[in-house]
C-alpha atoms as a PDB file:
ATOM      1  CA  MET A   1      54.626  92.163 -34.761  1.00  0.00           C
ATOM      2  CA  ALA A   2      54.740  95.959 -34.802  1.00  0.00           C
ATOM      3  CA  GLY A   3      53.730  98.203 -37.641  1.00  0.00           C
ATOM      4  CA  SER A   4      50.763  99.055 -39.808  1.00  0.00           C
ATOM      5  CA  GLU A   5      51.408  96.008 -41.981  1.00  0.00           C
ATOM      6  CA  GLN A   6      49.331  94.048 -39.457  1.00  0.00           C
ATOM      7  CA  LYS A   7      46.304  96.225 -40.079  1.00  0.00           C
ATOM      8  CA  GLY A   8      43.514  94.598 -42.045  1.00  0.00           C
ATOM      9  CA  LYS A   9      40.387  92.507 -41.862  1.00  0.00           C
ATOM     10  CA  ALA A  10      40.080  90.568 -38.624  1.00  0.00           C
ATOM     11  CA  ASP A  11      37.310  89.364 -36.391  1.00  0.00           C
ATOM     12  CA  LEU A  12      38.530  87.561 -33.250  1.00  0.00           C
ATOM     13  CA  LEU A  13      40.729  88.894 -30.490  1.00  0.00           C
ATOM     14  CA  LEU A  14      41.907  87.300 -27.249  1.00  0.00           C
ATOM     15  CA  ALA A  15      42.340  89.734 -24.358  1.00  0.00           C
ATOM     16  CA  ILE A  16      44.301  88.885 -21.198  1.00  0.00           C
ATOM     17  CA  GLU A  17      44.085  90.719 -17.868  1.00  0.00           C
ATOM     18  CA  SER A  18      46.269  90.073 -14.792  1.00  0.00           C
ATOM     19  CA  SER A  19      47.055  93.545 -13.482  1.00  0.00           C
ATOM     20  CA  CYS A  20      46.131  92.884  -9.858  1.00  0.00           C
ATOM     21  CA  ASP A  21      44.326  89.922  -8.299  1.00  0.00           C
ATOM     22  CA  GLU A  22      41.969  88.737 -11.025  1.00  0.00           C
ATOM     23  CA  THR A  23      43.172  86.320 -13.692  1.00  0.00           C
ATOM     24  CA  ALA A  24      40.987  86.936 -16.730  1.00  0.00           C
ATOM     25  CA  ALA A  25      40.696  86.213 -20.435  1.00  0.00           C
ATOM     26  CA  ALA A  26      38.038  87.062 -22.984  1.00  0.00           C
ATOM     27  CA  VAL A  27      37.317  86.596 -26.662  1.00  0.00           C
ATOM     28  CA  VAL A  28      35.834  89.670 -28.340  1.00  0.00           C
ATOM     29  CA  ASN A  29      34.959  90.115 -31.994  1.00  0.00           C
ATOM     30  CA  SER A  30      35.483  93.258 -34.067  1.00  0.00           C
ATOM     31  CA  ARG A  31      31.888  94.362 -33.405  1.00  0.00           C
ATOM     32  CA  ARG A  32      32.905  94.558 -29.719  1.00  0.00           C
ATOM     33  CA  GLU A  33      30.676  91.606 -28.905  1.00  0.00           C
ATOM     34  CA  VAL A  34      31.992  89.562 -25.980  1.00  0.00           C
ATOM     35  CA  LEU A  35      31.952  85.899 -26.997  1.00  0.00           C
ATOM     36  CA  SER A  36      33.388  84.736 -23.677  1.00  0.00           C
ATOM     37  CA  SER A  37      34.673  86.264 -20.468  1.00  0.00           C
ATOM     38  CA  VAL A  38      36.353  84.204 -17.761  1.00  0.00           C
ATOM     39  CA  VAL A  39      37.523  85.652 -14.443  1.00  0.00           C
ATOM     40  CA  ALA A  40      39.281  83.667 -11.705  1.00  0.00           C
ATOM     41  CA  SER A  41      38.932  85.693  -8.520  1.00  0.00           C
ATOM     42  CA  GLN A  42      41.522  85.650  -5.735  1.00  0.00           C
ATOM     43  CA  ASP A  43      39.304  87.176  -3.031  1.00  0.00           C
ATOM     44  CA  ASP A  44      39.527  84.022  -0.928  1.00  0.00           C
ATOM     45  CA  LEU A  45      43.342  84.152  -0.991  1.00  0.00           C
ATOM     46  CA  HIS A  46      43.595  87.763   0.198  1.00  0.00           C
ATOM     47  CA  GLN A  47      40.596  87.993   2.525  1.00  0.00           C
ATOM     48  CA  ARG A  48      42.458  87.244   5.740  1.00  0.00           C
ATOM     49  CA  PHE A  49      44.975  89.990   4.954  1.00  0.00           C
ATOM     50  CA  GLY A  50      42.297  92.624   4.279  1.00  0.00           C
ATOM     51  CA  GLY A  51      43.913  93.533   0.965  1.00  0.00           C
ATOM     52  CA  VAL A  52      45.896  92.224  -1.973  1.00  0.00           C
ATOM     53  CA  VAL A  53      49.300  90.667  -1.207  1.00  0.00           C
ATOM     54  CA  PRO A  54      51.384  91.107  -4.400  1.00  0.00           C
ATOM     55  CA  GLU A  55      53.441  87.914  -4.068  1.00  0.00           C
ATOM     56  CA  ILE A  56      50.370  85.776  -3.438  1.00  0.00           C
ATOM     57  CA  ALA A  57      48.625  87.426  -6.392  1.00  0.00           C
ATOM     58  CA  SER A  58      51.429  86.780  -8.871  1.00  0.00           C
ATOM     59  CA  ARG A  59      51.820  83.131  -7.800  1.00  0.00           C
ATOM     60  CA  ALA A  60      48.079  82.576  -8.201  1.00  0.00           C
ATOM     61  CA  HIS A  61      48.198  84.079 -11.693  1.00  0.00           C
ATOM     62  CA  LEU A  62      50.919  81.596 -12.662  1.00  0.00           C
ATOM     63  CA  SER A  63      48.733  78.614 -11.828  1.00  0.00           C
ATOM     64  CA  ARG A  64      45.533  80.054 -13.305  1.00  0.00           C
ATOM     65  CA  ILE A  65      46.517  81.889 -16.486  1.00  0.00           C
ATOM     66  CA  LEU A  66      46.554  78.906 -18.882  1.00  0.00           C
ATOM     67  CA  PRO A  67      43.327  77.271 -17.598  1.00  0.00           C
ATOM     68  CA  VAL A  68      41.575  80.662 -17.819  1.00  0.00           C
ATOM     69  CA  ILE A  69      42.729  81.205 -21.405  1.00  0.00           C
ATOM     70  CA  ASP A  70      41.698  77.658 -22.353  1.00  0.00           C
ATOM     71  CA  GLU A  71      38.273  78.154 -20.806  1.00  0.00           C
ATOM     72  CA  SER A  72      37.719  81.467 -22.613  1.00  0.00           C
ATOM     73  CA  LEU A  73      38.451  79.785 -25.955  1.00  0.00           C
ATOM     74  CA  ARG A  74      36.213  76.844 -25.090  1.00  0.00           C
ATOM     75  CA  ARG A  75      33.285  79.071 -24.164  1.00  0.00           C
ATOM     76  CA  ALA A  76      33.710  81.091 -27.358  1.00  0.00           C
ATOM     77  CA  GLY A  77      33.761  77.862 -29.371  1.00  0.00           C
ATOM     78  CA  ILE A  78      37.027  78.669 -31.139  1.00  0.00           C
ATOM     79  CA  THR A  79      40.640  77.490 -31.316  1.00  0.00           C
ATOM     80  CA  LEU A  80      43.856  79.455 -30.975  1.00  0.00           C
ATOM     81  CA  LYS A  81      44.377  79.329 -34.750  1.00  0.00           C
ATOM     82  CA  GLN A  82      41.193  81.332 -35.306  1.00  0.00           C
ATOM     83  CA  LEU A  83      42.474  84.326 -33.366  1.00  0.00           C
ATOM     84  CA  ASP A  84      43.526  87.434 -35.271  1.00  0.00           C
ATOM     85  CA  ALA A  85      45.255  89.324 -32.449  1.00  0.00           C
ATOM     86  CA  ILE A  86      46.364  89.037 -28.819  1.00  0.00           C
ATOM     87  CA  ALA A  87      45.732  91.933 -26.420  1.00  0.00           C
ATOM     88  CA  VAL A  88      47.123  92.243 -22.903  1.00  0.00           C
ATOM     89  CA  MET A  89      46.864  94.791 -20.090  1.00  0.00           C
ATOM     90  CA  THR A  90      50.388  96.125 -19.483  1.00  0.00           C
ATOM     91  CA  GLU A  91      49.763  99.148 -17.231  1.00  0.00           C
ATOM     92  CA  PRO A  92      49.259 100.096 -14.470  1.00  0.00           C
ATOM     93  CA  GLY A  93      49.205  97.372 -11.832  1.00  0.00           C
ATOM     94  CA  LEU A  94      51.350  95.048  -9.747  1.00  0.00           C
ATOM     95  CA  VAL A  95      54.571  94.280 -11.575  1.00  0.00           C
ATOM     96  CA  GLY A  96      54.592  90.538 -10.856  1.00  0.00           C
ATOM     97  CA  SER A  97      50.958  90.145 -11.810  1.00  0.00           C
ATOM     98  CA  LEU A  98      51.317  92.142 -15.021  1.00  0.00           C
ATOM     99  CA  LEU A  99      54.343  90.094 -16.108  1.00  0.00           C
ATOM    100  CA  VAL A 100      52.394  86.839 -15.924  1.00  0.00           C
ATOM    101  CA  GLY A 101      49.769  88.088 -18.374  1.00  0.00           C
ATOM    102  CA  LEU A 102      52.343  89.734 -20.632  1.00  0.00           C
ATOM    103  CA  THR A 103      54.470  86.579 -20.835  1.00  0.00           C
ATOM    104  CA  ALA A 104      51.437  84.510 -21.830  1.00  0.00           C
ATOM    105  CA  ALA A 105      50.411  87.085 -24.446  1.00  0.00           C
ATOM    106  CA  LYS A 106      53.894  87.351 -25.942  1.00  0.00           C
ATOM    107  CA  THR A 107      54.154  83.574 -26.195  1.00  0.00           C
ATOM    108  CA  LEU A 108      50.831  83.298 -28.021  1.00  0.00           C
ATOM    109  CA  SER A 109      51.714  86.191 -30.327  1.00  0.00           C
ATOM    110  CA  LEU A 110      55.052  84.596 -31.252  1.00  0.00           C
ATOM    111  CA  VAL A 111      53.766  81.039 -31.691  1.00  0.00           C
ATOM    112  CA  LEU A 112      50.653  82.022 -33.636  1.00  0.00           C
ATOM    113  CA  GLY A 113      52.273  84.834 -35.622  1.00  0.00           C
ATOM    114  CA  LYS A 114      49.519  87.230 -34.564  1.00  0.00           C
ATOM    115  CA  PRO A 115      49.869  90.929 -33.681  1.00  0.00           C
ATOM    116  CA  LEU A 116      50.345  91.896 -30.042  1.00  0.00           C
ATOM    117  CA  ILE A 117      48.403  94.859 -28.655  1.00  0.00           C
ATOM    118  CA  ALA A 118      49.272  96.610 -25.387  1.00  0.00           C
ATOM    119  CA  VAL A 119      46.268  97.920 -23.456  1.00  0.00           C
ATOM    120  CA  ASN A 120      46.148 100.455 -20.640  1.00  0.00           C
ATOM    121  CA  HIS A 121      44.054  98.909 -17.865  1.00  0.00           C
ATOM    122  CA  ILE A 122      42.579 102.267 -16.815  1.00  0.00           C
ATOM    123  CA  HIS A 123      41.586 103.300 -20.328  1.00  0.00           C
ATOM    124  CA  ALA A 124      39.964  99.888 -20.763  1.00  0.00           C
ATOM    125  CA  HIS A 125      37.759 100.496 -17.709  1.00  0.00           C
ATOM    126  CA  LEU A 126      36.427 103.653 -19.335  1.00  0.00           C
ATOM    127  CA  TYR A 127      35.923 101.916 -22.670  1.00  0.00           C
ATOM    128  CA  THR A 128      33.346  99.610 -21.080  1.00  0.00           C
ATOM    129  CA  CYS A 129      30.976 102.586 -21.173  1.00  0.00           C
ATOM    130  CA  GLN A 130      31.260 102.582 -24.967  1.00  0.00           C
ATOM    131  CA  MET A 131      30.758  98.830 -25.088  1.00  0.00           C
ATOM    132  CA  ALA A 132      27.438  99.232 -23.282  1.00  0.00           C
ATOM    133  CA  SER A 133      26.204 102.189 -25.325  1.00  0.00           C
ATOM    134  CA  ASP A 134      24.506 102.361 -28.717  1.00  0.00           C
ATOM    135  CA  ARG A 135      25.860 105.870 -29.298  1.00  0.00           C
ATOM    136  CA  PRO A 136      29.340 107.423 -29.166  1.00  0.00           C
ATOM    137  CA  VAL A 137      30.278 108.347 -25.590  1.00  0.00           C
ATOM    138  CA  PHE A 138      33.539 110.095 -26.478  1.00  0.00           C
ATOM    139  CA  PRO A 139      34.701 112.838 -26.121  1.00  0.00           C
ATOM    140  CA  ALA A 140      33.979 112.803 -22.406  1.00  0.00           C
ATOM    141  CA  VAL A 141      35.267 113.299 -18.902  1.00  0.00           C
ATOM    142  CA  GLY A 142      36.141 109.888 -17.490  1.00  0.00           C
ATOM    143  CA  LEU A 143      36.441 108.764 -13.872  1.00  0.00           C
ATOM    144  CA  VAL A 144      38.032 105.435 -12.965  1.00  0.00           C
ATOM    145  CA  VAL A 145      37.363 104.678  -9.311  1.00  0.00           C
ATOM    146  CA  SER A 146      38.500 101.371  -7.826  1.00  0.00           C
ATOM    147  CA  GLY A 147      40.642  99.746  -5.160  1.00  0.00           C
ATOM    148  CA  GLY A 148      43.835 101.065  -6.714  1.00  0.00           C
ATOM    149  CA  HIS A 149      42.763 104.121  -8.683  1.00  0.00           C
ATOM    150  CA  THR A 150      40.767 107.310  -8.393  1.00  0.00           C
ATOM    151  CA  ASN A 151      41.643 109.140 -11.598  1.00  0.00           C
ATOM    152  CA  LEU A 152      39.932 111.714 -13.805  1.00  0.00           C
ATOM    153  CA  TYR A 153      40.622 111.887 -17.543  1.00  0.00           C
ATOM    154  CA  ASP A 154      39.750 114.127 -20.433  1.00  0.00           C
ATOM    155  CA  CYS A 155      38.855 111.473 -22.992  1.00  0.00           C
ATOM    156  CA  VAL A 156      39.275 113.077 -26.397  1.00  0.00           C
ATOM    157  CA  SER A 157      38.544 109.847 -28.267  1.00  0.00           C
ATOM    158  CA  PRO A 158      38.482 106.084 -27.573  1.00  0.00           C
ATOM    159  CA  THR A 159      42.299 106.060 -27.830  1.00  0.00           C
ATOM    160  CA  GLU A 160      43.272 109.511 -26.489  1.00  0.00           C
ATOM    161  CA  TYR A 161      43.177 110.059 -22.724  1.00  0.00           C
ATOM    162  CA  GLU A 162      44.717 112.913 -20.738  1.00  0.00           C
ATOM    163  CA  LEU A 163      45.040 112.500 -16.973  1.00  0.00           C
ATOM    164  CA  ILE A 164      43.525 115.614 -15.379  1.00  0.00           C
ATOM    165  CA  GLY A 165      42.977 114.595 -11.767  1.00  0.00           C
ATOM    166  CA  SER A 166      43.899 111.934  -9.221  1.00  0.00           C
ATOM    167  CA  THR A 167      44.059 111.057  -5.558  1.00  0.00           C
ATOM    168  CA  ILE A 168      47.030 112.386  -3.617  1.00  0.00           C
ATOM    169  CA  ASP A 169      46.994 109.444  -1.226  1.00  0.00           C
ATOM    170  CA  ASP A 170      44.520 106.551  -1.135  1.00  0.00           C
ATOM    171  CA  ALA A 171      42.075 105.296  -3.743  1.00  0.00           C
ATOM    172  CA  ALA A 172      38.363 105.344  -2.936  1.00  0.00           C
ATOM    173  CA  GLY A 173      38.070 101.557  -3.185  1.00  0.00           C
ATOM    174  CA  GLU A 174      40.998 101.056  -0.821  1.00  0.00           C
ATOM    175  CA  ALA A 175      39.265 103.371   1.653  1.00  0.00           C
ATOM    176  CA  PHE A 176      36.129 101.208   1.430  1.00  0.00           C
ATOM    177  CA  ASP A 177      38.224  98.126   2.227  1.00  0.00           C
ATOM    178  CA  LYS A 178      39.876  99.738   5.254  1.00  0.00           C
ATOM    179  CA  ALA A 179      36.583 101.135   6.571  1.00  0.00           C
ATOM    180  CA  ALA A 180      34.971  97.708   6.256  1.00  0.00           C
ATOM    181  CA  ALA A 181      37.816  96.107   8.205  1.00  0.00           C
ATOM    182  CA  LEU A 182      37.403  98.666  11.009  1.00  0.00           C
ATOM    183  CA  LEU A 183      33.699  97.849  11.206  1.00  0.00           C
ATOM    184  CA  GLY A 184      34.275  94.105  11.241  1.00  0.00           C
ATOM    185  CA  LEU A 185      32.913  93.610   7.733  1.00  0.00           C
ATOM    186  CA  PRO A 186      34.422  91.135   5.210  1.00  0.00           C
ATOM    187  CA  TYR A 187      36.818  91.831   2.336  1.00  0.00           C
ATOM    188  CA  PRO A 188      36.373  93.176  -0.279  1.00  0.00           C
ATOM    189  CA  GLY A 189      34.826  96.064   1.599  1.00  0.00           C
ATOM    190  CA  GLY A 190      32.800  97.910  -1.037  1.00  0.00           C
ATOM    191  CA  PRO A 191      29.836  95.528  -1.352  1.00  0.00           C
ATOM    192  CA  HIS A 192      29.672  94.981   2.415  1.00  0.00           C
ATOM    193  CA  ILE A 193      29.766  98.695   3.237  1.00  0.00           C
ATOM    194  CA  GLN A 194      26.957  99.191   0.715  1.00  0.00           C
ATOM    195  CA  LYS A 195      24.894  96.388   2.250  1.00  0.00           C
ATOM    196  CA  ALA A 196      25.349  97.666   5.808  1.00  0.00           C
ATOM    197  CA  ALA A 197      24.571 101.231   4.706  1.00  0.00           C
ATOM    198  CA  GLU A 198      21.116 100.212   3.472  1.00  0.00           C
ATOM    199  CA  SER A 199      19.785 100.272   7.050  1.00  0.00           C
ATOM    200  CA  GLY A 200      21.937 103.196   8.191  1.00  0.00           C
ATOM    201  CA  ASP A 201      21.601 106.983   8.426  1.00  0.00           C
ATOM    202  CA  PRO A 202      23.954 108.724   5.970  1.00  0.00           C
ATOM    203  CA  HIS A 203      23.845 111.868   8.128  1.00  0.00           C
ATOM    204  CA  ALA A 204      24.529 110.189  11.472  1.00  0.00           C
ATOM    205  CA  PHE A 205      28.203 111.195  11.416  1.00  0.00           C
ATOM    206  CA  ASP A 206      29.707 114.316   9.867  1.00  0.00           C
ATOM    207  CA  PHE A 207      32.772 112.850   8.218  1.00  0.00           C
ATOM    208  CA  PRO A 208      35.283 115.103   6.384  1.00  0.00           C
ATOM    209  CA  ARG A 209      35.119 115.624   2.640  1.00  0.00           C
ATOM    210  CA  SER A 210      38.636 116.628   1.627  1.00  0.00           C
ATOM    211  CA  PHE A 211      39.019 119.127  -1.230  1.00  0.00           C
ATOM    212  CA  LEU A 212      35.242 119.230  -1.666  1.00  0.00           C
ATOM    213  CA  ARG A 213      35.203 122.970  -2.394  1.00  0.00           C
ATOM    214  CA  ASP A 214      38.722 123.160  -3.809  1.00  0.00           C
ATOM    215  CA  ASN A 215      38.919 124.125  -7.485  1.00  0.00           C
ATOM    216  CA  ARG A 216      41.617 121.529  -8.144  1.00  0.00           C
ATOM    217  CA  LEU A 217      40.775 118.098  -9.539  1.00  0.00           C
ATOM    218  CA  VAL A 218      42.336 116.185  -6.669  1.00  0.00           C
ATOM    219  CA  PHE A 219      41.027 113.604  -4.232  1.00  0.00           C
ATOM    220  CA  SER A 220      42.100 112.542  -0.745  1.00  0.00           C
ATOM    221  CA  PHE A 221      40.633 109.775   1.386  1.00  0.00           C
ATOM    222  CA  SER A 222      43.263 109.347   4.120  1.00  0.00           C
ATOM    223  CA  GLY A 223      41.560 111.874   6.422  1.00  0.00           C
ATOM    224  CA  LEU A 224      38.229 110.145   5.956  1.00  0.00           C
ATOM    225  CA  LYS A 225      39.816 106.802   6.892  1.00  0.00           C
ATOM    226  CA  THR A 226      41.276 108.356  10.039  1.00  0.00           C
ATOM    227  CA  ALA A 227      37.917 109.902  10.953  1.00  0.00           C
ATOM    228  CA  ILE A 228      36.005 106.627  10.752  1.00  0.00           C
ATOM    229  CA  ARG A 229      38.768 104.852  12.714  1.00  0.00           C
ATOM    230  CA  TYR A 230      38.558 107.324  15.604  1.00  0.00           C
ATOM    231  CA  THR A 231      34.764 107.354  15.533  1.00  0.00           C
ATOM    232  CA  ALA A 232      34.515 103.560  15.530  1.00  0.00           C
ATOM    233  CA  LEU A 233      37.418 102.671  17.847  1.00  0.00           C
ATOM    234  CA  GLY A 234      37.925 105.850  19.875  1.00  0.00           C
ATOM    235  CA  GLN A 235      40.681 108.445  20.082  1.00  0.00           C
ATOM    236  CA  PRO A 236      44.190 107.143  20.887  1.00  0.00           C
ATOM    237  CA  GLY A 237      44.968 107.596  24.571  1.00  0.00           C
ATOM    238  CA  SER A 238      41.377 108.400  25.501  1.00  0.00           C
ATOM    239  CA  ARG A 239      40.159 107.055  28.814  1.00  0.00           C
ATOM    240  CA  THR A 240      36.605 106.996  27.548  1.00  0.00           C
ATOM    241  CA  PRO A 241      35.842 103.829  25.572  1.00  0.00           C
ATOM    242  CA  PRO A 242      33.942 104.271  22.301  1.00  0.00           C
ATOM    243  CA  PRO A 243      30.297 103.209  22.097  1.00  0.00           C
ATOM    244  CA  GLU A 244      29.733  99.552  21.298  1.00  0.00           C
ATOM    245  CA  LEU A 245      29.737  98.704  17.600  1.00  0.00           C
ATOM    246  CA  THR A 246      26.164  97.515  17.498  1.00  0.00           C
ATOM    247  CA  LYS A 247      24.578  96.473  14.217  1.00  0.00           C
ATOM    248  CA  GLN A 248      22.823  99.851  13.957  1.00  0.00           C
ATOM    249  CA  ARG A 249      25.974 101.832  14.769  1.00  0.00           C
ATOM    250  CA  VAL A 250      27.880  99.882  12.106  1.00  0.00           C
ATOM    251  CA  ALA A 251      25.065 100.638   9.647  1.00  0.00           C
ATOM    252  CA  ASP A 252      25.160 104.361  10.471  1.00  0.00           C
ATOM    253  CA  LEU A 253      28.947 104.500  10.208  1.00  0.00           C
ATOM    254  CA  ALA A 254      28.859 102.665   6.877  1.00  0.00           C
ATOM    255  CA  ALA A 255      26.138 104.912   5.468  1.00  0.00           C
ATOM    256  CA  SER A 256      27.877 108.110   6.609  1.00  0.00           C
ATOM    257  CA  PHE A 257      31.224 106.935   5.246  1.00  0.00           C
ATOM    258  CA  GLN A 258      29.702 105.931   1.916  1.00  0.00           C
ATOM    259  CA  GLU A 259      27.915 109.269   1.601  1.00  0.00           C
ATOM    260  CA  ALA A 260      31.147 111.176   2.208  1.00  0.00           C
ATOM    261  CA  VAL A 261      32.970 109.227  -0.522  1.00  0.00           C
ATOM    262  CA  VAL A 262      30.122 109.703  -2.984  1.00  0.00           C
ATOM    263  CA  ASP A 263      29.876 113.440  -2.224  1.00  0.00           C
ATOM    264  CA  ILE A 264      33.551 113.844  -3.105  1.00  0.00           C
ATOM    265  CA  LEU A 265      33.317 111.810  -6.317  1.00  0.00           C
ATOM    266  CA  ILE A 266      30.218 113.629  -7.549  1.00  0.00           C
ATOM    267  CA  ALA A 267      31.662 117.072  -6.800  1.00  0.00           C
ATOM    268  CA  LYS A 268      34.878 116.388  -8.698  1.00  0.00           C
ATOM    269  CA  CYS A 269      33.026 114.898 -11.683  1.00  0.00           C
ATOM    270  CA  GLU A 270      30.868 118.000 -11.901  1.00  0.00           C
ATOM    271  CA  LEU A 271      33.919 120.266 -11.606  1.00  0.00           C
ATOM    272  CA  ALA A 272      35.730 118.359 -14.366  1.00  0.00           C
ATOM    273  CA  LEU A 273      32.731 118.623 -16.706  1.00  0.00           C
ATOM    274  CA  LYS A 274      32.656 122.389 -16.224  1.00  0.00           C
ATOM    275  CA  THR A 275      36.417 122.855 -16.414  1.00  0.00           C
ATOM    276  CA  TYR A 276      36.844 120.881 -19.635  1.00  0.00           C
ATOM    277  CA  HIS A 277      33.525 121.924 -21.196  1.00  0.00           C
ATOM    278  CA  ARG A 278      32.354 118.356 -21.704  1.00  0.00           C
ATOM    279  CA  THR A 279      28.763 117.152 -21.790  1.00  0.00           C
ATOM    280  CA  ASN A 280      29.526 113.417 -21.510  1.00  0.00           C
ATOM    281  CA  LEU A 281      30.709 111.640 -18.364  1.00  0.00           C
ATOM    282  CA  CYS A 282      31.994 108.044 -18.285  1.00  0.00           C
ATOM    283  CA  ILE A 283      32.472 106.089 -15.049  1.00  0.00           C
ATOM    284  CA  GLY A 284      34.326 102.786 -14.660  1.00  0.00           C
ATOM    285  CA  GLY A 285      36.042 100.687 -12.006  1.00  0.00           C
ATOM    286  CA  GLY A 286      34.874  98.601  -9.065  1.00  0.00           C
ATOM    287  CA  VAL A 287      33.361 101.485  -7.068  1.00  0.00           C
ATOM    288  CA  ALA A 288      31.181 102.307 -10.098  1.00  0.00           C
ATOM    289  CA  ALA A 289      29.058  99.316  -9.061  1.00  0.00           C
ATOM    290  CA  ASN A 290      28.021 101.102  -5.845  1.00  0.00           C
ATOM    291  CA  THR A 291      24.263 101.714  -5.997  1.00  0.00           C
ATOM    292  CA  ARG A 292      24.345 104.948  -3.983  1.00  0.00           C
ATOM    293  CA  PHE A 293      26.976 106.339  -6.355  1.00  0.00           C
ATOM    294  CA  ARG A 294      24.849 105.324  -9.346  1.00  0.00           C
ATOM    295  CA  ASP A 295      21.786 107.016  -7.858  1.00  0.00           C
ATOM    296  CA  ARG A 296      23.724 110.224  -7.338  1.00  0.00           C
ATOM    297  CA  LEU A 297      25.127 110.048 -10.874  1.00  0.00           C
ATOM    298  CA  ALA A 298      21.565 109.848 -12.200  1.00  0.00           C
ATOM    299  CA  ASP A 299      20.772 112.969 -10.172  1.00  0.00           C
ATOM    300  CA  LEU A 300      23.885 114.689 -11.576  1.00  0.00           C
ATOM    301  CA  GLU A 301      22.739 113.842 -15.099  1.00  0.00           C
ATOM    302  CA  SER A 302      19.269 115.311 -14.627  1.00  0.00           C
ATOM    303  CA  ARG A 303      20.536 118.338 -12.714  1.00  0.00           C
ATOM    304  CA  THR A 304      23.268 119.352 -15.169  1.00  0.00           C
ATOM    305  CA  GLY A 305      21.877 118.073 -18.456  1.00  0.00           C
ATOM    306  CA  SER A 306      25.034 116.059 -19.034  1.00  0.00           C
ATOM    307  CA  SER A 307      24.991 112.515 -20.389  1.00  0.00           C
ATOM    308  CA  VAL A 308      26.312 109.990 -17.869  1.00  0.00           C
ATOM    309  CA  SER A 309      27.479 106.522 -18.934  1.00  0.00           C
ATOM    310  CA  VAL A 310      28.351 104.004 -16.217  1.00  0.00           C
ATOM    311  CA  ALA A 311      30.056 100.687 -16.862  1.00  0.00           C
ATOM    312  CA  PRO A 312      27.747  97.659 -16.620  1.00  0.00           C
ATOM    313  CA  THR A 313      28.043  96.135 -13.161  1.00  0.00           C
ATOM    314  CA  SER A 314      29.429  92.931 -14.714  1.00  0.00           C
ATOM    315  CA  LEU A 315      32.340  94.934 -16.150  1.00  0.00           C
ATOM    316  CA  CYS A 316      33.080  97.217 -13.175  1.00  0.00           C
ATOM    317  CA  THR A 317      35.573  94.963 -11.427  1.00  0.00           C
ATOM    318  CA  ASP A 318      38.683  93.777 -13.260  1.00  0.00           C
ATOM    319  CA  ASN A 319      37.959  91.645 -16.319  1.00  0.00           C
ATOM    320  CA  ALA A 320      39.393  90.942 -19.762  1.00  0.00           C
ATOM    321  CA  ALA A 321      36.270  91.782 -21.782  1.00  0.00           C
ATOM    322  CA  MET A 322      37.160  95.450 -21.449  1.00  0.00           C
ATOM    323  CA  GLY A 323      40.167  94.550 -23.598  1.00  0.00           C
ATOM    324  CA  ALA A 324      37.744  95.193 -26.464  1.00  0.00           C
ATOM    325  CA  ILE A 325      39.422  98.610 -26.534  1.00  0.00           C
ATOM    326  CA  ALA A 326      42.260  96.801 -28.344  1.00  0.00           C
ATOM    327  CA  TRP A 327      40.107  96.816 -31.487  1.00  0.00           C
ATOM    328  CA  GLU A 328      40.381 100.623 -31.503  1.00  0.00           C
ATOM    329  CA  LEU A 329      44.169 100.249 -31.458  1.00  0.00           C
ATOM    330  CA  PHE A 330      44.082  97.464 -34.051  1.00  0.00           C
ATOM    331  CA  GLU A 331      42.147  99.693 -36.447  1.00  0.00           C
ATOM    332  CA  ILE A 332      44.775 102.444 -36.284  1.00  0.00           C
ATOM    333  CA  GLY A 333      47.644  99.972 -36.540  1.00  0.00           C
ATOM    334  CA  GLN A 334      49.000 100.504 -33.028  1.00  0.00           C
ATOM    335  CA  PHE A 335      50.791  97.222 -32.347  1.00  0.00           C
ATOM    336  CA  ALA A 336      53.537  96.266 -29.910  1.00  0.00           C
ATOM    337  CA  ASP A 337      56.876  94.539 -30.419  1.00  0.00           C
ATOM    338  CA  LEU A 338      57.950  91.442 -28.496  1.00  0.00           C
ATOM    339  CA  ASP A 339      60.283  93.556 -26.338  1.00  0.00           C
ATOM    340  CA  LEU A 340      57.200  95.144 -24.788  1.00  0.00           C
ATOM    341  CA  ASP A 341      57.493  95.607 -21.019  1.00  0.00           C
ATOM    342  CA  VAL A 342      55.006  96.380 -18.253  1.00  0.00           C
ATOM    343  CA  THR A 343      54.547  99.793 -16.626  1.00  0.00           C
ATOM    344  CA  PRO A 344      53.360  99.153 -13.084  1.00  0.00           C
ATOM    345  CA  GLY A 345      53.654 102.657 -11.604  1.00  0.00           C
ATOM    346  CA  LEU A 346      50.788 105.100 -11.145  1.00  0.00           C
ATOM    347  CA  VAL A 347      50.862 108.556 -12.703  1.00  0.00           C
ATOM    348  CA  ARG A 348      49.504 111.439 -10.677  1.00  0.00           C
ATOM    349  CA  VAL A 349      48.815 115.049 -11.575  1.00  0.00           C
ATOM    350  CA  GLU A 350      50.384 118.073  -9.961  1.00  0.00           C
ATOM    351  CA  THR A 351      48.486 119.298  -6.914  1.00  0.00           C
ATOM    352  CA  LYS A 352      49.989 122.768  -6.535  1.00  0.00           C
ATOM    353  CA  LYS A 353      47.635 125.724  -6.600  1.00  0.00           C
END
């Protein structure tokens, strides 16, 4: 299915997403209009573990992938024969999860004789900003911030992305999950930290903000996780028990933690804009749904004169509709062969001074 011979007039594309713990499929037309978007969440399967268990995730994808694809076609009011291309997220992610989506996509491509398009999950998150905008948002600095990723990109065009910054340890979304668990809040942690923070004081606790004034585009959240652990549960070996985790103390801890994360994200976005001389900023990923982060991004926009585009909240968490980026690849004839494989590993930038 590779090669520019596949390029031509087309209007309907099926996108498949299974990179982590959401089984998703969507039908998108060439005008980037989402005709259907179906997401089968696995939150209930992973909640008691406080995070995603890869083996459980991949097994759940196996049982859900075909019903999700069928439902996306049904909602779009089309049949498989009406599709013009099959797109699938192939990187990065959990290897077992990615392989489920890729196997389904390859099978459909082969049986239907339709081109196969490989999509980078991270790039797709950033492309949702273009989907929601009536003007070009590229070139831009892009930040993808989620449970598995905290990456900065110089986005030259809708199909050209250079990684310019990343976390050296934990992702911001993973830190939200761990902080929520420490405070006795449910999984996934982000929405529950945000809710608790609404009645809390963001300045109640002076949590660390790693690399805040460092001129490198790097993030670190492990120290922040340690700080909230010791503040909430007490220092190891201490004979003095920590104060009781009352509702107000949980609210103050949540608000202070959230503010520290947002301070770091905003500072690095502003540094990237200056470093790469960009005036557009695109934000995607699950943490992009955080209301405090969105408020601070609006402040950044007015303060710097830059144009900030944030993914719609419905497209922040993992979904297949963001596979609309595949149309950009279709139009330049960038197709994949049936020996396509997944690339689960994360790429990180150098952190040396």
